[in-house]
């Protein structure tokens, strides 16, 4: 199964997450198929905290990829910000 989930990056106490499409059997920070965005939970007002490529997201969902609950929450947050 293909899933859309977060992959952690950054350093200790400074998390940064990539939103990736990967196989469910691969470990969290391992190999991925495509990077479709990022999430920076500690972004200040002048920095961009969330970016998702909506065209790639709709493509992957149309071919059966399932998003994790956290990524679903971020998708709703991005849609709300874009509107």
C-alpha atoms as a PDB file:
ATOM      1  CA  UNK A   1       0.000   0.000   0.000  1.00  0.00           C
ATOM      2  CA  UNK A   2       1.162   3.523  -0.745  1.00  0.00           C
ATOM      3  CA  UNK A   3       0.834   6.107   2.024  1.00  0.00           C
ATOM      4  CA  UNK A   4       1.333   9.842   2.360  1.00  0.00           C
ATOM      5  CA  UNK A   5       3.099  10.579   5.631  1.00  0.00           C
ATOM      6  CA  UNK A   6       5.625  12.731   7.431  1.00  0.00           C
ATOM      7  CA  UNK A   7       9.347  12.032   7.355  1.00  0.00           C
ATOM      8  CA  UNK A   8      11.316  13.719  10.115  1.00  0.00           C
ATOM      9  CA  UNK A   9      14.376  15.827   9.474  1.00  0.00           C
ATOM     10  CA  UNK A  10      16.080  18.689  11.250  1.00  0.00           C
ATOM     11  CA  UNK A  11      18.186  18.461  14.356  1.00  0.00           C
ATOM     12  CA  UNK A  12      17.581  17.748  18.002  1.00  0.00           C
ATOM     13  CA  UNK A  13      14.883  20.068  19.409  1.00  0.00           C
ATOM     14  CA  UNK A  14      14.390  21.652  15.932  1.00  0.00           C
ATOM     15  CA  UNK A  15      12.058  19.324  14.018  1.00  0.00           C
ATOM     16  CA  UNK A  16      11.339  19.650  10.307  1.00  0.00           C
ATOM     17  CA  UNK A  17       9.092  17.276   8.404  1.00  0.00           C
ATOM     18  CA  UNK A  18       8.905  16.391   4.726  1.00  0.00           C
ATOM     19  CA  UNK A  19       5.537  15.219   3.417  1.00  0.00           C
ATOM     20  CA  UNK A  20       6.381  12.156   1.364  1.00  0.00           C
ATOM     21  CA  UNK A  21       4.683   9.402  -0.611  1.00  0.00           C
ATOM     22  CA  UNK A  22       6.134   6.011   0.262  1.00  0.00           C
ATOM     23  CA  UNK A  23       5.429   2.328   0.570  1.00  0.00           C
ATOM     24  CA  UNK A  24       3.882   1.438   3.923  1.00  0.00           C
ATOM     25  CA  UNK A  25       6.511  -1.247   4.560  1.00  0.00           C
ATOM     26  CA  UNK A  26       9.421   1.228   4.444  1.00  0.00           C
ATOM     27  CA  UNK A  27      10.548   2.817   7.707  1.00  0.00           C
ATOM     28  CA  UNK A  28       9.482   6.379   8.533  1.00  0.00           C
ATOM     29  CA  UNK A  29      12.661   8.192   7.446  1.00  0.00           C
ATOM     30  CA  UNK A  30      13.671   5.660   4.802  1.00  0.00           C
ATOM     31  CA  UNK A  31      13.241   5.484   1.048  1.00  0.00           C
ATOM     32  CA  UNK A  32      10.296   7.365  -0.462  1.00  0.00           C
ATOM     33  CA  UNK A  33       8.689   7.641  -3.886  1.00  0.00           C
ATOM     34  CA  UNK A  34       8.120  11.397  -4.026  1.00  0.00           C
ATOM     35  CA  UNK A  35       8.382  14.447  -1.775  1.00  0.00           C
ATOM     36  CA  UNK A  36       5.235  16.537  -2.137  1.00  0.00           C
ATOM     37  CA  UNK A  37       5.720  19.172   0.549  1.00  0.00           C
ATOM     38  CA  UNK A  38       7.054  20.112   3.940  1.00  0.00           C
ATOM     39  CA  UNK A  39       5.890  21.112   7.416  1.00  0.00           C
ATOM     40  CA  UNK A  40       7.906  23.268   9.805  1.00  0.00           C
ATOM     41  CA  UNK A  41       6.153  23.259  13.211  1.00  0.00           C
ATOM     42  CA  UNK A  42       8.454  25.907  14.708  1.00  0.00           C
ATOM     43  CA  UNK A  43       8.277  28.428  11.859  1.00  0.00           C
ATOM     44  CA  UNK A  44       8.072  32.048  12.931  1.00  0.00           C
ATOM     45  CA  UNK A  45       5.695  34.529  11.300  1.00  0.00           C
ATOM     46  CA  UNK A  46       8.065  35.496   8.461  1.00  0.00           C
ATOM     47  CA  UNK A  47       8.829  31.874   7.459  1.00  0.00           C
ATOM     48  CA  UNK A  48       6.625  29.513   5.506  1.00  0.00           C
ATOM     49  CA  UNK A  49       5.463  26.743   7.812  1.00  0.00           C
ATOM     50  CA  UNK A  50       3.542  24.477   5.462  1.00  0.00           C
ATOM     51  CA  UNK A  51       3.622  23.779   1.729  1.00  0.00           C
ATOM     52  CA  UNK A  52       1.845  20.983  -0.122  1.00  0.00           C
ATOM     53  CA  UNK A  53       1.837  20.479  -3.897  1.00  0.00           C
ATOM     54  CA  UNK A  54      -1.923  20.130  -4.383  1.00  0.00           C
ATOM     55  CA  UNK A  55      -1.665  18.739  -7.921  1.00  0.00           C
ATOM     56  CA  UNK A  56       0.620  15.886  -6.805  1.00  0.00           C
ATOM     57  CA  UNK A  57      -1.548  15.271  -3.719  1.00  0.00           C
ATOM     58  CA  UNK A  58      -4.680  14.859  -5.834  1.00  0.00           C
ATOM     59  CA  UNK A  59      -2.804  12.573  -8.235  1.00  0.00           C
ATOM     60  CA  UNK A  60      -1.578  10.250  -5.489  1.00  0.00           C
ATOM     61  CA  UNK A  61      -4.988  10.150  -3.813  1.00  0.00           C
ATOM     62  CA  UNK A  62      -6.596   9.327  -7.183  1.00  0.00           C
ATOM     63  CA  UNK A  63      -4.355   6.273  -7.600  1.00  0.00           C
ATOM     64  CA  UNK A  64      -5.177   4.981  -4.105  1.00  0.00           C
ATOM     65  CA  UNK A  65      -2.616   6.455  -1.717  1.00  0.00           C
ATOM     66  CA  UNK A  66      -3.922   6.990   1.801  1.00  0.00           C
ATOM     67  CA  UNK A  67      -2.819   9.883   3.973  1.00  0.00           C
ATOM     68  CA  UNK A  68      -1.912   9.461   7.631  1.00  0.00           C
ATOM     69  CA  UNK A  69      -4.185  11.194  10.168  1.00  0.00           C
ATOM     70  CA  UNK A  70      -1.582  13.909  10.789  1.00  0.00           C
ATOM     71  CA  UNK A  71      -1.169  14.583   7.084  1.00  0.00           C
ATOM     72  CA  UNK A  72      -4.971  14.757   6.695  1.00  0.00           C
ATOM     73  CA  UNK A  73      -5.016  17.438   9.395  1.00  0.00           C
ATOM     74  CA  UNK A  74      -2.246  19.353   7.603  1.00  0.00           C
ATOM     75  CA  UNK A  75      -4.090  19.099   4.266  1.00  0.00           C
ATOM     76  CA  UNK A  76      -7.176  20.653   5.846  1.00  0.00           C
ATOM     77  CA  UNK A  77      -5.018  23.344   7.424  1.00  0.00           C
ATOM     78  CA  UNK A  78      -3.384  24.156   4.063  1.00  0.00           C
ATOM     79  CA  UNK A  79      -6.762  24.285   2.300  1.00  0.00           C
ATOM     80  CA  UNK A  80      -8.086  26.638   4.971  1.00  0.00           C
ATOM     81  CA  UNK A  81      -5.035  28.885   4.594  1.00  0.00           C
ATOM     82  CA  UNK A  82      -5.328  28.922   0.788  1.00  0.00           C
ATOM     83  CA  UNK A  83      -9.020  29.888   0.828  1.00  0.00           C
END
